[in-house]
Amino acid sequence: FEKAKHTEGLRLWMDSVGLTEDLNP
């Protein structure tokens, strides 16, 4: 659950600062 929560937090941060492009590369 905590790993999923970490993913949520990091994704929320990216959304908030506009990092919405594909970062996989």
PDB file of all heavy atoms in Angstrom:
ATOM      1  N   PHE A   1       0.831  -1.205   0.000  1.00  0.00           N
ATOM      2  CA  PHE A   1       0.000   0.000   0.000  1.00  0.00           C
ATOM      3  C   PHE A   1       0.864   1.253   0.000  1.00  0.00           C
ATOM      4  O   PHE A   1       0.583   2.220  -0.715  1.00  0.00           O
ATOM      5  CB  PHE A   1      -0.924  -0.009   1.217  1.00  0.00           C
ATOM      6  CG  PHE A   1      -1.584   1.309   1.496  1.00  0.00           C
ATOM      7  CD1 PHE A   1      -2.540   1.824   0.639  1.00  0.00           C
ATOM      8  CD2 PHE A   1      -1.237   2.053   2.620  1.00  0.00           C
ATOM      9  CE1 PHE A   1      -3.146   3.053   0.888  1.00  0.00           C
ATOM     10  CE2 PHE A   1      -1.830   3.270   2.881  1.00  0.00           C
ATOM     11  CZ  PHE A   1      -2.797   3.779   2.015  1.00  0.00           C
ATOM     12  N   GLU A   2       1.932   1.233   0.793  1.00  0.00           N
ATOM     13  CA  GLU A   2       2.805   2.409   0.844  1.00  0.00           C
ATOM     14  C   GLU A   2       3.502   2.653  -0.488  1.00  0.00           C
ATOM     15  O   GLU A   2       3.689   3.807  -0.897  1.00  0.00           O
ATOM     16  CB  GLU A   2       3.824   2.251   1.976  1.00  0.00           C
ATOM     17  CG  GLU A   2       3.185   2.395   3.352  1.00  0.00           C
ATOM     18  CD  GLU A   2       4.130   2.145   4.504  1.00  0.00           C
ATOM     19  OE1 GLU A   2       5.224   1.582   4.291  1.00  0.00           O
ATOM     20  OE2 GLU A   2       3.773   2.509   5.643  1.00  0.00           O
ATOM     21  N   LYS A   3       3.878   1.583  -1.192  1.00  0.00           N
ATOM     22  CA  LYS A   3       4.468   1.760  -2.515  1.00  0.00           C
ATOM     23  C   LYS A   3       3.479   2.408  -3.478  1.00  0.00           C
ATOM     24  O   LYS A   3       3.840   3.287  -4.275  1.00  0.00           O
ATOM     25  CB  LYS A   3       4.937   0.407  -3.070  1.00  0.00           C
ATOM     26  CG  LYS A   3       6.174  -0.151  -2.380  1.00  0.00           C
ATOM     27  CD  LYS A   3       7.369   0.755  -2.617  1.00  0.00           C
ATOM     28  CE  LYS A   3       8.634   0.211  -2.015  1.00  0.00           C
ATOM     29  NZ  LYS A   3       9.785   1.122  -2.211  1.00  0.00           N
ATOM     30  N   ALA A   4       2.223   1.977  -3.398  1.00  0.00           N
ATOM     31  CA  ALA A   4       1.193   2.600  -4.236  1.00  0.00           C
ATOM     32  C   ALA A   4       0.986   4.063  -3.843  1.00  0.00           C
ATOM     33  O   ALA A   4       0.801   4.932  -4.701  1.00  0.00           O
ATOM     34  CB  ALA A   4      -0.121   1.824  -4.105  1.00  0.00           C
ATOM     35  N   LYS A   5       1.053   4.335  -2.549  1.00  0.00           N
ATOM     36  CA  LYS A   5       0.898   5.710  -2.069  1.00  0.00           C
ATOM     37  C   LYS A   5       2.056   6.584  -2.532  1.00  0.00           C
ATOM     38  O   LYS A   5       1.866   7.754  -2.890  1.00  0.00           O
ATOM     39  CB  LYS A   5       0.789   5.703  -0.541  1.00  0.00           C
ATOM     40  CG  LYS A   5       0.441   7.056   0.057  1.00  0.00           C
ATOM     41  CD  LYS A   5       0.000   6.931   1.506  1.00  0.00           C
ATOM     42  CE  LYS A   5       1.114   6.451   2.405  1.00  0.00           C
ATOM     43  NZ  LYS A   5       0.740   6.551   3.845  1.00  0.00           N
ATOM     44  N   HIS A   6       3.265   6.042  -2.541  1.00  0.00           N
ATOM     45  CA  HIS A   6       4.419   6.792  -3.048  1.00  0.00           C
ATOM     46  C   HIS A   6       4.221   7.142  -4.520  1.00  0.00           C
ATOM     47  O   HIS A   6       4.520   8.266  -4.949  1.00  0.00           O
ATOM     48  CB  HIS A   6       5.707   5.981  -2.890  1.00  0.00           C
ATOM     49  CG  HIS A   6       6.036   5.637  -1.476  1.00  0.00           C
ATOM     50  ND1 HIS A   6       7.064   4.777  -1.149  1.00  0.00           N
ATOM     51  CD2 HIS A   6       5.490   6.040  -0.299  1.00  0.00           C
ATOM     52  CE1 HIS A   6       7.119   4.663   0.169  1.00  0.00           C
ATOM     53  NE2 HIS A   6       6.172   5.412   0.702  1.00  0.00           N
ATOM     54  N   THR A   7       3.731   6.164  -5.283  1.00  0.00           N
ATOM     55  CA  THR A   7       3.473   6.406  -6.701  1.00  0.00           C
ATOM     56  C   THR A   7       2.438   7.512  -6.864  1.00  0.00           C
ATOM     57  O   THR A   7       2.585   8.405  -7.719  1.00  0.00           O
ATOM     58  CB  THR A   7       2.981   5.120  -7.387  1.00  0.00           C
ATOM     59  OG1 THR A   7       3.918   4.065  -7.147  1.00  0.00           O
ATOM     60  CG2 THR A   7       2.826   5.320  -8.881  1.00  0.00           C
ATOM     61  N   GLU A   8       1.400   7.467  -6.039  1.00  0.00           N
ATOM     62  CA  GLU A   8       0.373   8.516  -6.076  1.00  0.00           C
ATOM     63  C   GLU A   8       0.991   9.883  -5.798  1.00  0.00           C
ATOM     64  O   GLU A   8       0.737  10.856  -6.529  1.00  0.00           O
ATOM     65  CB  GLU A   8      -0.713   8.228  -5.044  1.00  0.00           C
ATOM     66  CG  GLU A   8      -1.767   9.331  -4.951  1.00  0.00           C
ATOM     67  CD  GLU A   8      -2.666   9.198  -3.729  1.00  0.00           C
ATOM     68  OE1 GLU A   8      -2.362   8.365  -2.843  1.00  0.00           O
ATOM     69  OE2 GLU A   8      -3.674   9.934  -3.659  1.00  0.00           O
ATOM     70  N   GLY A   9       1.782   9.973  -4.742  1.00  0.00           N
ATOM     71  CA  GLY A   9       2.362  11.265  -4.368  1.00  0.00           C
ATOM     72  C   GLY A   9       3.267  11.824  -5.447  1.00  0.00           C
ATOM     73  O   GLY A   9       3.211  13.017  -5.773  1.00  0.00           O
ATOM     74  N   LEU A  10       4.115  10.974  -6.028  1.00  0.00           N
ATOM     75  CA  LEU A  10       5.028  11.430  -7.077  1.00  0.00           C
ATOM     76  C   LEU A  10       4.265  11.848  -8.330  1.00  0.00           C
ATOM     77  O   LEU A  10       4.612  12.842  -8.976  1.00  0.00           O
ATOM     78  CB  LEU A  10       6.026  10.321  -7.393  1.00  0.00           C
ATOM     79  CG  LEU A  10       7.006   9.991  -6.257  1.00  0.00           C
ATOM     80  CD1 LEU A  10       7.700   8.657  -6.501  1.00  0.00           C
ATOM     81  CD2 LEU A  10       8.038  11.099  -6.086  1.00  0.00           C
ATOM     82  N   ARG A  11       3.207  11.104  -8.667  1.00  0.00           N
ATOM     83  CA  ARG A  11       2.407  11.462  -9.840  1.00  0.00           C
ATOM     84  C   ARG A  11       1.645  12.763  -9.595  1.00  0.00           C
ATOM     85  O   ARG A  11       1.529  13.602 -10.504  1.00  0.00           O
ATOM     86  CB  ARG A  11       1.443  10.324 -10.169  1.00  0.00           C
ATOM     87  CG  ARG A  11       0.591  10.520 -11.421  1.00  0.00           C
ATOM     88  CD  ARG A  11       1.440  10.572 -12.680  1.00  0.00           C
ATOM     89  NE  ARG A  11       1.609  11.917 -13.208  1.00  0.00           N
ATOM     90  CZ  ARG A  11       2.305  12.200 -14.300  1.00  0.00           C
ATOM     91  NH1 ARG A  11       2.933  11.228 -14.957  1.00  0.00           N
ATOM     92  NH2 ARG A  11       2.413  13.445 -14.726  1.00  0.00           N
ATOM     93  N   LEU A  12       1.127  12.958  -8.397  1.00  0.00           N
ATOM     94  CA  LEU A  12       0.449  14.218  -8.071  1.00  0.00           C
ATOM     95  C   LEU A  12       1.407  15.388  -8.196  1.00  0.00           C
ATOM     96  O   LEU A  12       1.034  16.470  -8.682  1.00  0.00           O
ATOM     97  CB  LEU A  12      -0.129  14.154  -6.647  1.00  0.00           C
ATOM     98  CG  LEU A  12      -1.369  13.300  -6.435  1.00  0.00           C
ATOM     99  CD1 LEU A  12      -1.698  13.202  -4.950  1.00  0.00           C
ATOM    100  CD2 LEU A  12      -2.560  13.862  -7.206  1.00  0.00           C
ATOM    101  N   TRP A  13       2.649  15.185  -7.751  1.00  0.00           N
ATOM    102  CA  TRP A  13       3.637  16.260  -7.869  1.00  0.00           C
ATOM    103  C   TRP A  13       3.891  16.586  -9.331  1.00  0.00           C
ATOM    104  O   TRP A  13       3.910  17.764  -9.718  1.00  0.00           O
ATOM    105  CB  TRP A  13       4.945  15.852  -7.188  1.00  0.00           C
ATOM    106  CG  TRP A  13       5.956  16.966  -7.178  1.00  0.00           C
ATOM    107  CD1 TRP A  13       6.092  17.946  -6.238  1.00  0.00           C
ATOM    108  CD2 TRP A  13       6.939  17.235  -8.185  1.00  0.00           C
ATOM    109  NE1 TRP A  13       7.107  18.814  -6.580  1.00  0.00           N
ATOM    110  CE2 TRP A  13       7.639  18.398  -7.784  1.00  0.00           C
ATOM    111  CE3 TRP A  13       7.289  16.622  -9.374  1.00  0.00           C
ATOM    112  CZ2 TRP A  13       8.676  18.956  -8.524  1.00  0.00           C
ATOM    113  CZ3 TRP A  13       8.325  17.164 -10.133  1.00  0.00           C
ATOM    114  CH2 TRP A  13       9.016  18.318  -9.701  1.00  0.00           C
ATOM    115  N   MET A  14       4.074  15.570 -10.168  1.00  0.00           N
ATOM    116  CA  MET A  14       4.313  15.807 -11.592  1.00  0.00           C
ATOM    117  C   MET A  14       3.135  16.534 -12.233  1.00  0.00           C
ATOM    118  O   MET A  14       3.318  17.459 -13.035  1.00  0.00           O
ATOM    119  CB  MET A  14       4.586  14.475 -12.310  1.00  0.00           C
ATOM    120  CG  MET A  14       5.946  13.882 -11.982  1.00  0.00           C
ATOM    121  SD  MET A  14       6.358  12.423 -12.981  1.00  0.00           S
ATOM    122  CE  MET A  14       5.386  11.187 -12.145  1.00  0.00           C
ATOM    123  N   ASP A  15       1.920  16.138 -11.889  1.00  0.00           N
ATOM    124  CA  ASP A  15       0.743  16.806 -12.437  1.00  0.00           C
ATOM    125  C   ASP A  15       0.703  18.276 -12.031  1.00  0.00           C
ATOM    126  O   ASP A  15       0.370  19.157 -12.835  1.00  0.00           O
ATOM    127  CB  ASP A  15      -0.536  16.121 -11.945  1.00  0.00           C
ATOM    128  CG  ASP A  15      -0.695  14.708 -12.501  1.00  0.00           C
ATOM    129  OD1 ASP A  15      -0.025  14.379 -13.494  1.00  0.00           O
ATOM    130  OD2 ASP A  15      -1.499  13.946 -11.926  1.00  0.00           O
ATOM    131  N   SER A  16       1.071  18.538 -10.771  1.00  0.00           N
ATOM    132  CA  SER A  16       0.959  19.904 -10.253  1.00  0.00           C
ATOM    133  C   SER A  16       1.950  20.860 -10.895  1.00  0.00           C
ATOM    134  O   SER A  16       1.703  22.064 -10.978  1.00  0.00           O
ATOM    135  CB  SER A  16       1.145  19.906  -8.730  1.00  0.00           C
ATOM    136  OG  SER A  16       2.496  19.648  -8.385  1.00  0.00           O
ATOM    137  N   VAL A  17       3.100  20.334 -11.348  1.00  0.00           N
ATOM    138  CA  VAL A  17       4.119  21.215 -11.947  1.00  0.00           C
ATOM    139  C   VAL A  17       4.114  21.149 -13.469  1.00  0.00           C
ATOM    140  O   VAL A  17       4.952  21.761 -14.128  1.00  0.00           O
ATOM    141  CB  VAL A  17       5.529  20.889 -11.406  1.00  0.00           C
ATOM    142  CG1 VAL A  17       5.572  21.029  -9.893  1.00  0.00           C
ATOM    143  CG2 VAL A  17       5.986  19.496 -11.833  1.00  0.00           C
ATOM    144  N   GLY A  18       3.179  20.385 -14.035  1.00  0.00           N
ATOM    145  CA  GLY A  18       3.036  20.363 -15.488  1.00  0.00           C
ATOM    146  C   GLY A  18       3.906  19.345 -16.209  1.00  0.00           C
ATOM    147  O   GLY A  18       4.093  19.455 -17.434  1.00  0.00           O
ATOM    148  N   LEU A  19       4.438  18.345 -15.501  1.00  0.00           N
ATOM    149  CA  LEU A  19       5.228  17.298 -16.156  1.00  0.00           C
ATOM    150  C   LEU A  19       4.278  16.205 -16.644  1.00  0.00           C
ATOM    151  O   LEU A  19       4.148  15.142 -16.039  1.00  0.00           O
ATOM    152  CB  LEU A  19       6.259  16.713 -15.193  1.00  0.00           C
ATOM    153  CG  LEU A  19       7.448  17.603 -14.834  1.00  0.00           C
ATOM    154  CD1 LEU A  19       8.349  16.899 -13.835  1.00  0.00           C
ATOM    155  CD2 LEU A  19       8.234  17.969 -16.078  1.00  0.00           C
ATOM    156  N   THR A  20       3.613  16.465 -17.752  1.00  0.00           N
ATOM    157  CA  THR A  20       2.617  15.533 -18.256  1.00  0.00           C
ATOM    158  C   THR A  20       3.057  14.813 -19.533  1.00  0.00           C
ATOM    159  O   THR A  20       2.319  13.984 -20.062  1.00  0.00           O
ATOM    160  CB  THR A  20       1.298  16.270 -18.529  1.00  0.00           C
ATOM    161  OG1 THR A  20       1.546  17.365 -19.428  1.00  0.00           O
ATOM    162  CG2 THR A  20       0.705  16.814 -17.234  1.00  0.00           C
ATOM    163  N   GLU A  21       4.258  15.130 -20.035  1.00  0.00           N
ATOM    164  CA  GLU A  21       4.754  14.422 -21.210  1.00  0.00           C
ATOM    165  C   GLU A  21       5.195  13.006 -20.830  1.00  0.00           C
ATOM    166  O   GLU A  21       5.305  12.676 -19.647  1.00  0.00           O
ATOM    167  CB  GLU A  21       5.912  15.180 -21.859  1.00  0.00           C
ATOM    168  CG  GLU A  21       7.162  15.307 -21.000  1.00  0.00           C
ATOM    169  CD  GLU A  21       7.205  16.604 -20.197  1.00  0.00           C
ATOM    170  OE1 GLU A  21       6.130  17.091 -19.804  1.00  0.00           O
ATOM    171  OE2 GLU A  21       8.326  17.093 -19.949  1.00  0.00           O
ATOM    172  N   ASP A  22       5.446  12.181 -21.845  1.00  0.00           N
ATOM    173  CA  ASP A  22       5.894  10.810 -21.604  1.00  0.00           C
ATOM    174  C   ASP A  22       7.337  10.837 -21.109  1.00  0.00           C
ATOM    175  O   ASP A  22       8.250  11.212 -21.835  1.00  0.00           O
ATOM    176  CB  ASP A  22       5.798   9.992 -22.901  1.00  0.00           C
ATOM    177  CG  ASP A  22       6.177   8.530 -22.698  1.00  0.00           C
ATOM    178  OD1 ASP A  22       6.389   8.125 -21.529  1.00  0.00           O
ATOM    179  OD2 ASP A  22       6.259   7.793 -23.699  1.00  0.00           O
ATOM    180  N   LEU A  23       7.540  10.413 -19.869  1.00  0.00           N
ATOM    181  CA  LEU A  23       8.869  10.422 -19.262  1.00  0.00           C
ATOM    182  C   LEU A  23       9.528   9.053 -19.274  1.00  0.00           C
ATOM    183  O   LEU A  23      10.625   8.899 -18.725  1.00  0.00           O
ATOM    184  CB  LEU A  23       8.775  10.945 -17.822  1.00  0.00           C
ATOM    185  CG  LEU A  23       8.214  12.360 -17.644  1.00  0.00           C
ATOM    186  CD1 LEU A  23       8.166  12.722 -16.168  1.00  0.00           C
ATOM    187  CD2 LEU A  23       9.016  13.378 -18.430  1.00  0.00           C
ATOM    188  N   ASN A  24       8.901   8.067 -19.876  1.00  0.00           N
ATOM    189  CA  ASN A  24       9.476   6.727 -19.913  1.00  0.00           C
ATOM    190  C   ASN A  24      10.899   6.694 -20.477  1.00  0.00           C
ATOM    191  O   ASN A  24      11.753   5.967 -19.937  1.00  0.00           O
ATOM    192  CB  ASN A  24       8.579   5.782 -20.711  1.00  0.00           C
ATOM    193  CG  ASN A  24       7.441   5.228 -19.869  1.00  0.00           C
ATOM    194  OD1 ASN A  24       7.645   4.355 -19.031  1.00  0.00           O
ATOM    195  ND2 ASN A  24       6.247   5.753 -20.087  1.00  0.00           N
ATOM    196  N   PRO A  25      11.200   7.452 -21.540  1.00  0.00           N
ATOM    197  CA  PRO A  25      12.564   7.376 -22.084  1.00  0.00           C
ATOM    198  C   PRO A  25      13.657   7.782 -21.096  1.00  0.00           C
ATOM    199  O   PRO A  25      14.803   7.336 -21.232  1.00  0.00           O
ATOM    200  CB  PRO A  25      12.508   8.341 -23.272  1.00  0.00           C
ATOM    201  CG  PRO A  25      11.079   8.333 -23.700  1.00  0.00           C
ATOM    202  CD  PRO A  25      10.308   8.243 -22.417  1.00  0.00           C
TER     203      PRO A  25
END
